[in-house]
Amino acid sequence: MKQALDALDQGVQPDRPVLRDAVRALLAELSRRAPGRSVEVRIPPFGAIQCVVGPRHTRGTPPNVVETDPVTWLLVATERVTWADAQRDGRLRASGIRTDLSEYLPLYPVADVE
């Protein structure tokens, strides 16, 4: 995680495996903090989870979807960029009434995510 964030702080794209591992670690932390299945969070090509308590969706396109690229996910999850700014800029797309995940942020630093 630290390696990916250091690279971003230096204005450098993290190596793909480093970026992948950081995305997955942050998704796992979000899943831990917001257990449930009412919101689908997609960070292609590295991962997707369902989280947040509420009605579970089982078929077709879920009504509550968050999607962004891996770098934006790291920036938002660590509050280097705010949720609102990323959404306003179009870097993060969130559709549905349960998709504002800002109350769970930042996801890092966390003692068990390193």
Protein backbone atom coordinates (compact mmCIF):
# COMPACT_ATOMS: atom_id res chain seq x y z
CA MET A 1 0.00 0.00 0.00
CA LYS A 2 2.66 2.47 1.04
CA GLN A 3 4.63 1.85 -2.14
CA ALA A 4 1.59 2.67 -4.31
CA LEU A 5 0.80 5.83 -2.36
CA ASP A 6 4.43 6.97 -2.41
CA ALA A 7 4.47 6.59 -6.21
CA LEU A 8 1.25 8.60 -6.57
CA ASP A 9 2.55 11.29 -4.21
CA GLN A 10 5.61 11.58 -6.48
CA GLY A 11 3.41 11.88 -9.57
CA VAL A 12 4.40 8.44 -10.85
CA GLN A 13 2.08 5.61 -11.89
CA PRO A 14 2.60 2.66 -9.49
CA ASP A 15 3.70 -0.64 -11.01
CA ARG A 16 0.68 -2.73 -12.00
CA PRO A 17 1.09 -5.44 -9.31
CA VAL A 18 1.58 -2.77 -6.63
CA LEU A 19 -1.50 -0.88 -7.81
CA ARG A 20 -3.55 -4.08 -7.98
CA ASP A 21 -2.62 -5.09 -4.43
CA ALA A 22 -3.38 -1.62 -3.07
CA VAL A 23 -6.80 -1.54 -4.79
CA ARG A 24 -7.69 -4.95 -3.42
CA ALA A 25 -6.54 -4.09 0.09
CA LEU A 26 -8.67 -0.95 0.12
CA LEU A 27 -11.69 -2.82 -1.24
CA ALA A 28 -11.24 -5.43 1.51
CA GLU A 29 -11.10 -2.68 4.13
CA LEU A 30 -14.27 -1.08 2.73
CA SER A 31 -15.99 -4.45 2.86
CA ARG A 32 -14.93 -4.82 6.49
CA ARG A 33 -16.17 -1.34 7.46
CA ALA A 34 -19.40 -1.44 5.47
CA PRO A 35 -20.57 -5.05 5.39
CA GLY A 36 -23.60 -5.77 3.25
CA ARG A 37 -24.64 -6.30 -0.35
CA SER A 38 -26.63 -3.24 -1.43
CA VAL A 39 -23.84 -1.33 -3.22
CA GLU A 40 -21.47 -2.72 -5.82
CA VAL A 41 -18.07 -1.04 -5.99
CA ARG A 42 -16.17 -1.72 -9.22
CA ILE A 43 -12.51 -0.88 -9.75
CA PRO A 44 -11.71 -2.49 -13.11
CA PRO A 45 -9.66 -4.45 -13.87
CA PHE A 46 -8.61 -5.25 -10.29
CA GLY A 47 -11.71 -5.92 -8.28
CA ALA A 48 -15.33 -5.48 -7.34
CA ILE A 49 -17.14 -5.93 -4.05
CA GLN A 50 -20.59 -5.60 -2.63
CA CYS A 51 -20.96 -3.63 0.57
CA VAL A 52 -23.30 -1.48 2.68
CA VAL A 53 -26.29 -2.82 4.56
CA GLY A 54 -29.56 -2.72 2.66
CA PRO A 55 -31.57 -4.65 0.11
CA ARG A 56 -29.50 -7.27 -1.66
CA HIS A 57 -29.44 -7.23 -5.44
CA THR A 58 -29.17 -10.57 -7.26
CA ARG A 59 -30.00 -10.16 -10.97
CA GLY A 60 -29.05 -7.76 -13.73
CA THR A 61 -27.42 -4.39 -13.16
CA PRO A 62 -27.45 -3.41 -9.48
CA PRO A 63 -29.31 -0.18 -8.64
CA ASN A 64 -26.42 1.13 -6.51
CA VAL A 65 -23.09 1.09 -8.34
CA VAL A 66 -19.82 2.93 -7.77
CA GLU A 67 -17.15 2.69 -10.47
CA THR A 68 -13.80 4.35 -10.96
CA ASP A 69 -10.29 3.64 -12.18
CA PRO A 70 -7.62 2.21 -9.86
CA VAL A 71 -5.64 5.44 -9.36
CA THR A 72 -8.74 7.48 -8.56
CA TRP A 73 -9.83 4.76 -6.13
CA LEU A 74 -6.53 5.04 -4.23
CA LEU A 75 -6.78 8.83 -4.17
CA VAL A 76 -10.39 8.82 -2.94
CA ALA A 77 -9.95 5.95 -0.46
CA THR A 78 -7.06 7.79 1.18
CA GLU A 79 -8.79 11.19 0.94
CA ARG A 80 -6.09 12.69 -1.25
CA VAL A 81 -9.11 13.59 -3.42
CA THR A 82 -12.55 14.03 -1.89
CA TRP A 83 -15.46 11.84 -2.89
CA ALA A 84 -17.40 14.90 -4.02
CA ASP A 85 -14.54 16.27 -6.15
CA ALA A 86 -13.93 12.92 -7.86
CA GLN A 87 -17.64 12.60 -8.61
CA ARG A 88 -17.92 16.19 -9.83
CA ASP A 89 -14.87 15.74 -12.10
CA GLY A 90 -16.34 12.56 -13.58
CA ARG A 91 -13.49 10.40 -12.31
CA LEU A 92 -15.89 8.50 -10.06
CA ARG A 93 -19.37 7.44 -11.13
CA ALA A 94 -21.94 6.65 -8.46
CA SER A 95 -25.55 5.81 -9.25
CA GLY A 96 -28.17 4.98 -6.67
CA ILE A 97 -29.29 6.34 -3.34
CA ARG A 98 -26.81 4.35 -1.22
CA THR A 99 -23.64 5.11 -3.16
CA ASP A 100 -22.15 7.99 -1.18
CA LEU A 101 -19.41 6.07 0.63
CA SER A 102 -17.66 9.14 2.02
CA GLU A 103 -18.72 8.29 5.59
CA TYR A 104 -16.42 5.23 5.44
CA LEU A 105 -13.37 7.21 4.27
CA PRO A 106 -10.45 7.36 4.63
CA LEU A 107 -9.78 3.64 4.40
CA TYR A 108 -6.07 4.12 4.96
CA PRO A 109 -4.00 4.36 7.09
CA VAL A 110 -5.22 1.32 8.97
CA ALA A 111 -2.96 -0.81 11.15
CA ASP A 112 -3.88 -4.08 9.42
CA VAL A 113 -3.61 -2.72 5.84
CA GLU A 114 0.05 -2.28 4.97
